[in-house]
Amino acid sequence: MKRIADLLFEARMLKDVPRSGFHFLGAGRESIAEHVYSTTFIAFVMSQLHPEIDARKLICMCLLHDLPEARIGDLNSVNKAYVRADESRAVGDMIQGLSFGDQIRELIEEYTAGSSQEAQLARDADQLALILELKDLDDIGHRPPQTWLPHVLDRLHTETGRALAAAIMSTRRDAWWWPAAQPRQPSS
């Protein structure tokens, strides 16, 4: 149980590790844990749209996809031009002594390789979480997301990912709220 407690504290660390790309964007901020939550929720929605896939695998991939960043940090595209993280070693050290460690490694490796329909959807869920953040910032008046969005939208590979992105891009961030905020008419 000690090794499991260590893993839980390690995963909890993601609440304190900021996503580094927002520094370059000049607006917004998000922890890796917040990003993982959004990605995982998007994966849940995708699993409802694809009853033929293994929903548990898709959701677990999204839950775990950034876990190594507790050890290696969040390297953005500029960082990656100069720094090469040993993610495989980080995962190996992280799962050492865990009876379910191989499952964690396999899910992360499959996600990274994009070798299944679940992995492709998970990778799109990851990008859709960023698209949501960028669209949110754009809707409240920040201009840099307008430059970033075409590049992130271009990273989507599945039809479902592209369809969800189109819906996100054509929906204001607060559109869900307005009907709920209207006073209800009393019943006669």
N, C-alpha and C. Protein backbone atom coordinates (compact mmCIF):
# COMPACT_ATOMS: atom_id res chain seq x y z
N MET A 1 0.82 -1.19 0.00
CA MET A 1 0.00 0.00 0.00
C MET A 1 0.87 1.27 0.00
N LYS A 2 2.06 1.18 0.52
CA LYS A 2 2.97 2.34 0.55
C LYS A 2 3.25 2.82 -0.87
N ARG A 3 3.52 1.88 -1.79
CA ARG A 3 3.80 2.26 -3.19
C ARG A 3 2.58 2.92 -3.83
N ILE A 4 1.39 2.44 -3.48
CA ILE A 4 0.16 3.04 -4.01
C ILE A 4 0.01 4.45 -3.45
N ALA A 5 0.28 4.62 -2.15
CA ALA A 5 0.21 5.96 -1.56
C ALA A 5 1.20 6.90 -2.26
N ASP A 6 2.40 6.41 -2.55
CA ASP A 6 3.39 7.22 -3.28
C ASP A 6 2.82 7.66 -4.64
N LEU A 7 2.21 6.70 -5.36
CA LEU A 7 1.63 7.01 -6.68
C LEU A 7 0.51 8.04 -6.55
N LEU A 8 -0.31 7.90 -5.52
CA LEU A 8 -1.40 8.85 -5.33
C LEU A 8 -0.87 10.26 -5.07
N PHE A 9 0.18 10.36 -4.26
CA PHE A 9 0.78 11.68 -4.03
C PHE A 9 1.41 12.22 -5.32
N GLU A 10 2.00 11.33 -6.09
CA GLU A 10 2.61 11.75 -7.36
C GLU A 10 1.53 12.29 -8.31
N ALA A 11 0.43 11.57 -8.43
CA ALA A 11 -0.67 12.03 -9.29
C ALA A 11 -1.24 13.34 -8.76
N ARG A 12 -1.32 13.49 -7.46
CA ARG A 12 -1.83 14.71 -6.84
C ARG A 12 -0.94 15.90 -7.18
N MET A 13 0.32 15.65 -7.39
CA MET A 13 1.28 16.71 -7.74
C MET A 13 0.86 17.45 -9.01
N LEU A 14 0.10 16.77 -9.88
CA LEU A 14 -0.32 17.39 -11.13
C LEU A 14 -1.23 18.60 -10.89
N LYS A 15 -1.82 18.68 -9.70
CA LYS A 15 -2.62 19.86 -9.36
C LYS A 15 -1.74 21.10 -9.23
N ASP A 16 -0.45 20.90 -8.92
CA ASP A 16 0.47 22.00 -8.67
C ASP A 16 1.39 22.32 -9.84
N VAL A 17 1.36 21.51 -10.89
CA VAL A 17 2.24 21.72 -12.04
C VAL A 17 1.46 22.47 -13.12
N PRO A 18 1.88 23.70 -13.44
CA PRO A 18 1.15 24.47 -14.45
C PRO A 18 1.46 24.00 -15.87
N ARG A 19 0.49 24.16 -16.73
CA ARG A 19 0.72 23.92 -18.16
C ARG A 19 1.52 25.12 -18.68
N SER A 20 2.66 24.84 -19.28
CA SER A 20 3.60 25.90 -19.60
C SER A 20 3.25 26.71 -20.84
N GLY A 21 2.44 26.19 -21.73
CA GLY A 21 2.11 26.92 -22.95
C GLY A 21 1.37 28.21 -22.71
N PHE A 22 0.65 28.31 -21.59
CA PHE A 22 -0.11 29.53 -21.32
C PHE A 22 0.82 30.73 -21.12
N HIS A 23 2.06 30.49 -20.71
CA HIS A 23 3.02 31.59 -20.58
C HIS A 23 3.25 32.24 -21.95
N PHE A 24 3.36 31.42 -22.98
CA PHE A 24 3.58 31.94 -24.33
C PHE A 24 2.32 32.59 -24.88
N LEU A 25 1.17 32.08 -24.49
CA LEU A 25 -0.11 32.62 -24.94
C LEU A 25 -0.35 34.01 -24.35
N GLY A 26 0.17 34.23 -23.14
CA GLY A 26 0.01 35.53 -22.50
C GLY A 26 -1.30 35.71 -21.78
N ALA A 27 -2.09 34.66 -21.69
CA ALA A 27 -3.38 34.72 -21.01
C ALA A 27 -3.76 33.31 -20.56
N GLY A 28 -4.57 33.28 -19.53
CA GLY A 28 -5.07 31.99 -19.05
C GLY A 28 -4.03 31.24 -18.25
N ARG A 29 -4.49 30.24 -17.55
CA ARG A 29 -3.60 29.33 -16.84
C ARG A 29 -4.40 28.10 -16.49
N GLU A 30 -3.67 27.01 -16.34
CA GLU A 30 -4.30 25.73 -16.08
C GLU A 30 -3.25 24.79 -15.52
N SER A 31 -3.63 24.01 -14.53
CA SER A 31 -2.71 22.98 -14.04
C SER A 31 -2.85 21.75 -14.94
N ILE A 32 -1.89 20.87 -14.84
CA ILE A 32 -1.98 19.63 -15.61
C ILE A 32 -3.20 18.83 -15.15
N ALA A 33 -3.49 18.83 -13.86
CA ALA A 33 -4.65 18.10 -13.35
C ALA A 33 -5.95 18.66 -13.93
N GLU A 34 -6.05 19.97 -14.03
CA GLU A 34 -7.25 20.57 -14.63
C GLU A 34 -7.38 20.14 -16.09
N HIS A 35 -6.27 20.14 -16.79
CA HIS A 35 -6.27 19.70 -18.19
C HIS A 35 -6.68 18.23 -18.30
N VAL A 36 -6.14 17.41 -17.42
CA VAL A 36 -6.47 15.98 -17.45
C VAL A 36 -7.96 15.76 -17.19
N TYR A 37 -8.54 16.53 -16.26
CA TYR A 37 -9.98 16.41 -16.01
C TYR A 37 -10.76 16.72 -17.28
N SER A 38 -10.46 17.83 -17.94
CA SER A 38 -11.18 18.20 -19.16
C SER A 38 -11.01 17.13 -20.23
N THR A 39 -9.79 16.66 -20.41
CA THR A 39 -9.51 15.63 -21.41
C THR A 39 -10.30 14.37 -21.11
N THR A 40 -10.33 13.96 -19.85
CA THR A 40 -11.03 12.74 -19.46
C THR A 40 -12.53 12.90 -19.63
N PHE A 41 -13.07 14.05 -19.30
CA PHE A 41 -14.50 14.27 -19.49
C PHE A 41 -14.86 14.22 -20.98
N ILE A 42 -14.03 14.83 -21.81
CA ILE A 42 -14.24 14.76 -23.26
C ILE A 42 -14.20 13.31 -23.73
N ALA A 43 -13.29 12.53 -23.18
CA ALA A 43 -13.21 11.10 -23.53
C ALA A 43 -14.48 10.36 -23.14
N PHE A 44 -15.03 10.69 -21.99
CA PHE A 44 -16.30 10.07 -21.59
C PHE A 44 -17.37 10.38 -22.62
N VAL A 45 -17.46 11.64 -23.04
CA VAL A 45 -18.45 12.03 -24.05
C VAL A 45 -18.19 11.26 -25.34
N MET A 46 -16.93 11.19 -25.77
CA MET A 46 -16.59 10.46 -26.99
C MET A 46 -17.00 8.99 -26.88
N SER A 47 -16.83 8.41 -25.70
CA SER A 47 -17.18 7.00 -25.53
C SER A 47 -18.69 6.79 -25.70
N GLN A 48 -19.49 7.81 -25.41
CA GLN A 48 -20.93 7.71 -25.61
C GLN A 48 -21.28 7.80 -27.10
N LEU A 49 -20.44 8.48 -27.85
CA LEU A 49 -20.64 8.60 -29.29
C LEU A 49 -20.14 7.37 -30.05
N HIS A 50 -19.31 6.57 -29.39
CA HIS A 50 -18.71 5.38 -30.00
C HIS A 50 -18.91 4.16 -29.10
N PRO A 51 -20.13 3.63 -29.06
CA PRO A 51 -20.37 2.48 -28.17
C PRO A 51 -19.57 1.23 -28.56
N GLU A 52 -19.01 1.22 -29.75
CA GLU A 52 -18.24 0.06 -30.20
C GLU A 52 -16.83 0.01 -29.61
N ILE A 53 -16.35 1.09 -29.03
CA ILE A 53 -14.98 1.10 -28.51
C ILE A 53 -14.96 0.69 -27.04
N ASP A 54 -13.78 0.48 -26.54
CA ASP A 54 -13.58 0.16 -25.12
C ASP A 54 -13.53 1.48 -24.34
N ALA A 55 -14.67 1.86 -23.77
CA ALA A 55 -14.78 3.15 -23.08
C ALA A 55 -13.81 3.24 -21.92
N ARG A 56 -13.68 2.16 -21.17
CA ARG A 56 -12.77 2.17 -20.01
C ARG A 56 -11.35 2.47 -20.46
N LYS A 57 -10.92 1.84 -21.55
CA LYS A 57 -9.56 2.07 -22.05
C LYS A 57 -9.38 3.52 -22.47
N LEU A 58 -10.34 4.06 -23.20
CA LEU A 58 -10.26 5.45 -23.66
C LEU A 58 -10.17 6.39 -22.47
N ILE A 59 -11.04 6.22 -21.50
CA ILE A 59 -11.07 7.10 -20.34
C ILE A 59 -9.79 6.95 -19.52
N CYS A 60 -9.32 5.73 -19.34
CA CYS A 60 -8.08 5.51 -18.58
C CYS A 60 -6.87 6.11 -19.29
N MET A 61 -6.82 6.00 -20.61
CA MET A 61 -5.71 6.63 -21.33
C MET A 61 -5.67 8.12 -21.07
N CYS A 62 -6.83 8.75 -21.11
CA CYS A 62 -6.87 10.20 -20.89
C CYS A 62 -6.52 10.55 -19.45
N LEU A 63 -6.95 9.72 -18.54
CA LEU A 63 -6.63 9.96 -17.13
C LEU A 63 -5.13 9.87 -16.88
N LEU A 64 -4.45 8.99 -17.61
CA LEU A 64 -3.02 8.73 -17.38
C LEU A 64 -2.07 9.45 -18.34
N HIS A 65 -2.58 10.03 -19.43
CA HIS A 65 -1.70 10.47 -20.50
C HIS A 65 -0.63 11.47 -20.07
N ASP A 66 -0.89 12.30 -19.08
CA ASP A 66 0.10 13.28 -18.64
C ASP A 66 0.69 12.95 -17.27
N LEU A 67 0.43 11.77 -16.75
CA LEU A 67 0.96 11.39 -15.44
C LEU A 67 2.48 11.52 -15.35
N PRO A 68 3.24 11.16 -16.39
CA PRO A 68 4.69 11.33 -16.30
C PRO A 68 5.14 12.77 -16.06
N GLU A 69 4.28 13.74 -16.34
CA GLU A 69 4.65 15.14 -16.16
C GLU A 69 4.81 15.51 -14.69
N ALA A 70 4.37 14.64 -13.78
CA ALA A 70 4.67 14.85 -12.37
C ALA A 70 6.18 14.78 -12.15
N ARG A 71 6.88 14.02 -12.99
CA ARG A 71 8.34 13.87 -12.88
C ARG A 71 9.09 14.74 -13.88
N ILE A 72 8.56 14.90 -15.08
CA ILE A 72 9.32 15.59 -16.13
C ILE A 72 8.82 17.01 -16.39
N GLY A 73 7.70 17.41 -15.81
CA GLY A 73 7.14 18.73 -16.05
C GLY A 73 6.40 18.77 -17.37
N ASP A 74 5.82 19.92 -17.65
CA ASP A 74 5.07 20.13 -18.89
C ASP A 74 5.96 20.82 -19.88
N LEU A 75 6.48 20.06 -20.81
CA LEU A 75 7.36 20.63 -21.83
C LEU A 75 6.52 21.08 -23.02
N ASN A 76 6.52 22.37 -23.30
CA ASN A 76 5.80 22.87 -24.47
C ASN A 76 6.66 22.69 -25.71
N SER A 77 6.13 23.10 -26.85
CA SER A 77 6.83 22.84 -28.11
C SER A 77 8.18 23.55 -28.19
N VAL A 78 8.33 24.71 -27.58
CA VAL A 78 9.63 25.39 -27.57
C VAL A 78 10.60 24.61 -26.70
N ASN A 79 10.17 24.20 -25.50
CA ASN A 79 11.03 23.41 -24.62
C ASN A 79 11.51 22.14 -25.32
N LYS A 80 10.58 21.49 -26.03
CA LYS A 80 10.90 20.20 -26.68
C LYS A 80 11.95 20.36 -27.79
N ALA A 81 12.13 21.58 -28.29
CA ALA A 81 13.16 21.80 -29.29
C ALA A 81 14.55 21.72 -28.67
N TYR A 82 14.65 21.88 -27.34
CA TYR A 82 15.94 21.91 -26.66
C TYR A 82 16.12 20.83 -25.60
N VAL A 83 15.03 20.31 -25.08
CA VAL A 83 15.09 19.35 -23.97
C VAL A 83 14.40 18.07 -24.38
N ARG A 84 15.03 16.95 -24.11
CA ARG A 84 14.42 15.66 -24.39
C ARG A 84 14.19 14.95 -23.07
N ALA A 85 12.91 14.79 -22.72
CA ALA A 85 12.56 14.11 -21.48
C ALA A 85 12.55 12.61 -21.71
N ASP A 86 12.96 11.87 -20.71
CA ASP A 86 12.94 10.41 -20.77
C ASP A 86 11.64 9.92 -20.13
N GLU A 87 10.56 10.05 -20.88
CA GLU A 87 9.24 9.70 -20.36
C GLU A 87 9.15 8.22 -20.02
N SER A 88 9.77 7.38 -20.82
CA SER A 88 9.75 5.94 -20.56
C SER A 88 10.40 5.63 -19.21
N ARG A 89 11.50 6.25 -18.93
CA ARG A 89 12.17 6.05 -17.64
C ARG A 89 11.31 6.58 -16.50
N ALA A 90 10.68 7.75 -16.71
CA ALA A 90 9.81 8.32 -15.68
C ALA A 90 8.67 7.37 -15.37
N VAL A 91 8.06 6.80 -16.40
CA VAL A 91 6.97 5.85 -16.19
C VAL A 91 7.50 4.61 -15.48
N GLY A 92 8.65 4.11 -15.92
CA GLY A 92 9.24 2.92 -15.29
C GLY A 92 9.50 3.12 -13.80
N ASP A 93 10.06 4.27 -13.45
CA ASP A 93 10.32 4.56 -12.04
C ASP A 93 9.01 4.73 -11.27
N MET A 94 8.04 5.36 -11.90
CA MET A 94 6.76 5.64 -11.27
C MET A 94 6.00 4.36 -10.92
N ILE A 95 6.06 3.36 -11.78
CA ILE A 95 5.24 2.16 -11.60
C ILE A 95 5.99 1.02 -10.91
N GLN A 96 7.27 1.24 -10.62
CA GLN A 96 8.07 0.19 -9.99
C GLN A 96 7.40 -0.28 -8.69
N GLY A 97 7.25 -1.61 -8.58
CA GLY A 97 6.68 -2.20 -7.37
C GLY A 97 5.16 -2.18 -7.30
N LEU A 98 4.50 -1.73 -8.36
CA LEU A 98 3.03 -1.72 -8.37
C LEU A 98 2.51 -2.94 -9.13
N SER A 99 1.59 -3.66 -8.54
CA SER A 99 1.05 -4.86 -9.19
C SER A 99 0.32 -4.51 -10.49
N PHE A 100 -0.18 -3.31 -10.62
CA PHE A 100 -0.90 -2.87 -11.82
C PHE A 100 -0.06 -1.92 -12.67
N GLY A 101 1.23 -1.87 -12.39
CA GLY A 101 2.11 -0.95 -13.10
C GLY A 101 2.18 -1.20 -14.60
N ASP A 102 2.17 -2.48 -14.99
CA ASP A 102 2.23 -2.77 -16.43
C ASP A 102 1.01 -2.21 -17.17
N GLN A 103 -0.14 -2.20 -16.52
CA GLN A 103 -1.35 -1.64 -17.14
C GLN A 103 -1.15 -0.14 -17.39
N ILE A 104 -0.57 0.55 -16.43
CA ILE A 104 -0.31 1.98 -16.60
C ILE A 104 0.64 2.20 -17.77
N ARG A 105 1.74 1.44 -17.79
CA ARG A 105 2.73 1.59 -18.87
C ARG A 105 2.09 1.31 -20.24
N GLU A 106 1.33 0.23 -20.34
CA GLU A 106 0.72 -0.14 -21.62
C GLU A 106 -0.26 0.92 -22.11
N LEU A 107 -1.05 1.48 -21.21
CA LEU A 107 -2.01 2.52 -21.61
C LEU A 107 -1.29 3.78 -22.08
N ILE A 108 -0.24 4.18 -21.37
CA ILE A 108 0.52 5.37 -21.78
C ILE A 108 1.22 5.12 -23.11
N GLU A 109 1.81 3.95 -23.28
CA GLU A 109 2.49 3.64 -24.54
C GLU A 109 1.52 3.59 -25.72
N GLU A 110 0.35 2.99 -25.50
CA GLU A 110 -0.65 2.92 -26.57
C GLU A 110 -1.15 4.32 -26.94
N TYR A 111 -1.35 5.14 -25.92
CA TYR A 111 -1.75 6.54 -26.16
C TYR A 111 -0.68 7.25 -26.99
N THR A 112 0.56 7.14 -26.58
CA THR A 112 1.66 7.83 -27.26
C THR A 112 1.79 7.37 -28.71
N ALA A 113 1.63 6.08 -28.93
CA ALA A 113 1.76 5.52 -30.28
C ALA A 113 0.53 5.82 -31.14
N GLY A 114 -0.61 6.08 -30.52
CA GLY A 114 -1.83 6.29 -31.28
C GLY A 114 -2.23 5.06 -32.05
N SER A 115 -1.97 3.88 -31.46
CA SER A 115 -2.08 2.62 -32.19
C SER A 115 -3.45 1.96 -32.17
N SER A 116 -4.45 2.60 -31.62
CA SER A 116 -5.80 2.03 -31.59
C SER A 116 -6.80 3.15 -31.78
N GLN A 117 -8.05 2.77 -32.03
CA GLN A 117 -9.09 3.80 -32.16
C GLN A 117 -9.24 4.55 -30.84
N GLU A 118 -9.14 3.84 -29.72
CA GLU A 118 -9.22 4.50 -28.42
C GLU A 118 -8.09 5.52 -28.25
N ALA A 119 -6.89 5.15 -28.66
CA ALA A 119 -5.74 6.06 -28.53
C ALA A 119 -5.91 7.29 -29.43
N GLN A 120 -6.43 7.09 -30.62
CA GLN A 120 -6.64 8.23 -31.52
C GLN A 120 -7.69 9.17 -30.96
N LEU A 121 -8.76 8.61 -30.41
CA LEU A 121 -9.78 9.45 -29.77
C LEU A 121 -9.21 10.16 -28.55
N ALA A 122 -8.39 9.45 -27.77
CA ALA A 122 -7.78 10.05 -26.58
C ALA A 122 -6.87 11.22 -26.97
N ARG A 123 -6.11 11.04 -28.03
CA ARG A 123 -5.23 12.12 -28.48
C ARG A 123 -6.04 13.32 -28.95
N ASP A 124 -7.17 13.06 -29.61
CA ASP A 124 -8.04 14.17 -30.01
C ASP A 124 -8.69 14.81 -28.79
N ALA A 125 -9.06 14.02 -27.78
CA ALA A 125 -9.63 14.58 -26.55
C ALA A 125 -8.62 15.55 -25.91
N ASP A 126 -7.36 15.19 -25.94
CA ASP A 126 -6.29 16.04 -25.40
C ASP A 126 -6.27 17.39 -26.14
N GLN A 127 -6.37 17.34 -27.45
CA GLN A 127 -6.36 18.58 -28.24
C GLN A 127 -7.66 19.37 -28.05
N LEU A 128 -8.78 18.66 -27.93
CA LEU A 128 -10.06 19.34 -27.71
C LEU A 128 -10.09 20.08 -26.38
N ALA A 129 -9.43 19.54 -25.37
CA ALA A 129 -9.35 20.24 -24.09
C ALA A 129 -8.62 21.57 -24.27
N LEU A 130 -7.57 21.59 -25.06
CA LEU A 130 -6.86 22.85 -25.35
C LEU A 130 -7.73 23.78 -26.19
N ILE A 131 -8.43 23.23 -27.17
CA ILE A 131 -9.31 24.05 -28.01
C ILE A 131 -10.38 24.73 -27.15
N LEU A 132 -10.94 24.01 -26.18
CA LEU A 132 -11.92 24.61 -25.26
C LEU A 132 -11.32 25.80 -24.52
N GLU A 133 -10.10 25.63 -24.02
CA GLU A 133 -9.44 26.72 -23.28
C GLU A 133 -9.18 27.91 -24.20
N LEU A 134 -8.69 27.64 -25.39
CA LEU A 134 -8.40 28.72 -26.33
C LEU A 134 -9.67 29.45 -26.76
N LYS A 135 -10.72 28.70 -27.03
CA LYS A 135 -12.00 29.31 -27.43
C LYS A 135 -12.57 30.13 -26.29
N ASP A 136 -12.44 29.65 -25.06
CA ASP A 136 -12.90 30.39 -23.89
C ASP A 136 -12.18 31.74 -23.81
N LEU A 137 -10.86 31.72 -23.96
CA LEU A 137 -10.08 32.96 -23.91
C LEU A 137 -10.44 33.89 -25.07
N ASP A 138 -10.64 33.33 -26.24
CA ASP A 138 -11.03 34.13 -27.40
C ASP A 138 -12.38 34.80 -27.16
N ASP A 139 -13.32 34.06 -26.61
CA ASP A 139 -14.65 34.61 -26.38
C ASP A 139 -14.66 35.76 -25.37
N ILE A 140 -13.68 35.80 -24.48
CA ILE A 140 -13.65 36.91 -23.51
C ILE A 140 -12.69 38.02 -23.95
N GLY A 141 -12.23 37.94 -25.20
CA GLY A 141 -11.51 39.08 -25.78
C GLY A 141 -10.02 38.96 -25.93
N HIS A 142 -9.42 37.84 -25.59
CA HIS A 142 -7.97 37.69 -25.80
C HIS A 142 -7.73 37.32 -27.26
N ARG A 143 -6.82 38.01 -27.90
CA ARG A 143 -6.57 37.80 -29.33
C ARG A 143 -5.60 36.66 -29.66
N PRO A 144 -4.58 36.36 -28.85
CA PRO A 144 -3.62 35.31 -29.23
C PRO A 144 -4.25 33.95 -29.58
N PRO A 145 -5.35 33.53 -28.96
CA PRO A 145 -5.91 32.23 -29.36
C PRO A 145 -6.27 32.16 -30.85
N GLN A 146 -6.56 33.30 -31.47
CA GLN A 146 -6.90 33.30 -32.89
C GLN A 146 -5.73 32.81 -33.74
N THR A 147 -4.52 33.05 -33.26
CA THR A 147 -3.32 32.58 -33.96
C THR A 147 -3.09 31.10 -33.67
N TRP A 148 -3.33 30.69 -32.43
CA TRP A 148 -3.07 29.31 -32.01
C TRP A 148 -4.09 28.31 -32.54
N LEU A 149 -5.36 28.71 -32.56
CA LEU A 149 -6.44 27.76 -32.86
C LEU A 149 -6.26 27.02 -34.19
N PRO A 150 -5.91 27.67 -35.29
CA PRO A 150 -5.76 26.90 -36.54
C PRO A 150 -4.74 25.76 -36.42
N HIS A 151 -3.66 25.99 -35.68
CA HIS A 151 -2.63 24.96 -35.53
C HIS A 151 -3.13 23.79 -34.68
N VAL A 152 -3.86 24.10 -33.62
CA VAL A 152 -4.38 23.05 -32.75
C VAL A 152 -5.49 22.28 -33.46
N LEU A 153 -6.35 22.98 -34.16
CA LEU A 153 -7.42 22.31 -34.92
C LEU A 153 -6.84 21.36 -35.96
N ASP A 154 -5.70 21.73 -36.51
CA ASP A 154 -5.03 20.91 -37.52
C ASP A 154 -4.49 19.59 -36.95
N ARG A 155 -4.34 19.51 -35.64
CA ARG A 155 -3.80 18.30 -35.00
C ARG A 155 -4.85 17.20 -34.83
N LEU A 156 -6.11 17.51 -35.06
CA LEU A 156 -7.18 16.53 -34.87
C LEU A 156 -7.14 15.48 -35.98
N HIS A 157 -7.35 14.21 -35.60
CA HIS A 157 -7.23 13.13 -36.59
C HIS A 157 -8.51 12.34 -36.80
N THR A 158 -9.44 12.40 -35.87
CA THR A 158 -10.65 11.60 -36.02
C THR A 158 -11.81 12.47 -36.49
N GLU A 159 -12.75 11.85 -37.15
CA GLU A 159 -13.96 12.55 -37.58
C GLU A 159 -14.71 13.11 -36.37
N THR A 160 -14.76 12.33 -35.31
CA THR A 160 -15.44 12.77 -34.09
C THR A 160 -14.74 13.99 -33.50
N GLY A 161 -13.42 13.97 -33.45
CA GLY A 161 -12.66 15.11 -32.93
C GLY A 161 -12.92 16.36 -33.74
N ARG A 162 -12.92 16.23 -35.06
CA ARG A 162 -13.16 17.40 -35.92
C ARG A 162 -14.60 17.91 -35.77
N ALA A 163 -15.56 17.00 -35.64
CA ALA A 163 -16.96 17.41 -35.47
C ALA A 163 -17.16 18.13 -34.14
N LEU A 164 -16.56 17.61 -33.07
CA LEU A 164 -16.66 18.27 -31.77
C LEU A 164 -15.98 19.63 -31.81
N ALA A 165 -14.84 19.71 -32.47
CA ALA A 165 -14.13 20.99 -32.58
C ALA A 165 -14.98 22.01 -33.34
N ALA A 166 -15.63 21.59 -34.40
CA ALA A 166 -16.50 22.51 -35.16
C ALA A 166 -17.63 23.03 -34.28
N ALA A 167 -18.20 22.14 -33.47
CA ALA A 167 -19.27 22.56 -32.57
C ALA A 167 -18.75 23.54 -31.51
N ILE A 168 -17.58 23.24 -30.98
CA ILE A 168 -16.97 24.14 -29.98
C ILE A 168 -16.71 25.51 -30.59
N MET A 169 -16.15 25.52 -31.78
CA MET A 169 -15.79 26.78 -32.41
C MET A 169 -17.01 27.63 -32.79
N SER A 170 -18.16 26.99 -32.99
CA SER A 170 -19.36 27.75 -33.36
C SER A 170 -20.28 28.02 -32.16
N THR A 171 -19.78 27.74 -30.97
CA THR A 171 -20.58 27.94 -29.76
C THR A 171 -19.86 28.92 -28.83
N ARG A 172 -20.60 29.92 -28.37
CA ARG A 172 -20.01 30.83 -27.38
C ARG A 172 -19.84 30.11 -26.06
N ARG A 173 -18.82 30.49 -25.32
CA ARG A 173 -18.50 29.86 -24.04
C ARG A 173 -19.62 29.93 -23.04
N ASP A 174 -20.49 30.92 -23.15
CA ASP A 174 -21.56 31.09 -22.18
C ASP A 174 -22.95 30.75 -22.73
N ALA A 175 -23.01 30.15 -23.90
CA ALA A 175 -24.30 29.84 -24.52
C ALA A 175 -25.12 28.87 -23.66
N TRP A 176 -24.48 27.96 -22.97
CA TRP A 176 -25.20 26.99 -22.12
C TRP A 176 -25.89 27.67 -20.95
N TRP A 177 -25.35 28.80 -20.52
CA TRP A 177 -25.79 29.45 -19.30
C TRP A 177 -27.05 30.27 -19.49
N TRP A 178 -27.18 30.91 -20.65
CA TRP A 178 -28.27 31.87 -20.83
C TRP A 178 -29.65 31.26 -20.66
N PRO A 179 -29.97 30.12 -21.23
CA PRO A 179 -31.31 29.57 -20.99
C PRO A 179 -31.55 29.25 -19.51
N ALA A 180 -30.53 28.80 -18.82
CA ALA A 180 -30.67 28.46 -17.41
C ALA A 180 -30.83 29.71 -16.55
N ALA A 181 -30.31 30.84 -17.02
CA ALA A 181 -30.34 32.07 -16.25
C ALA A 181 -31.68 32.82 -16.40
N GLN A 182 -32.47 32.42 -17.39
CA GLN A 182 -33.75 33.10 -17.60
C GLN A 182 -34.74 32.68 -16.50
N PRO A 183 -35.50 33.63 -15.99
CA PRO A 183 -36.48 33.27 -14.96
C PRO A 183 -37.52 32.33 -15.55
N ARG A 184 -37.89 31.34 -14.76
CA ARG A 184 -38.92 30.39 -15.18
C ARG A 184 -40.28 31.06 -15.08
N GLN A 185 -41.10 30.80 -16.05
CA GLN A 185 -42.46 31.32 -16.04
C GLN A 185 -43.31 30.48 -15.10
N PRO A 186 -44.08 31.11 -14.24
CA PRO A 186 -44.92 30.33 -13.33
C PRO A 186 -45.96 29.54 -14.11
N SER A 187 -46.23 28.36 -13.63
CA SER A 187 -47.25 27.50 -14.26
C SER A 187 -48.62 28.03 -13.90
N SER A 188 -49.54 27.96 -14.84
CA SER A 188 -50.90 28.42 -14.53
C SER A 188 -51.73 27.33 -13.92
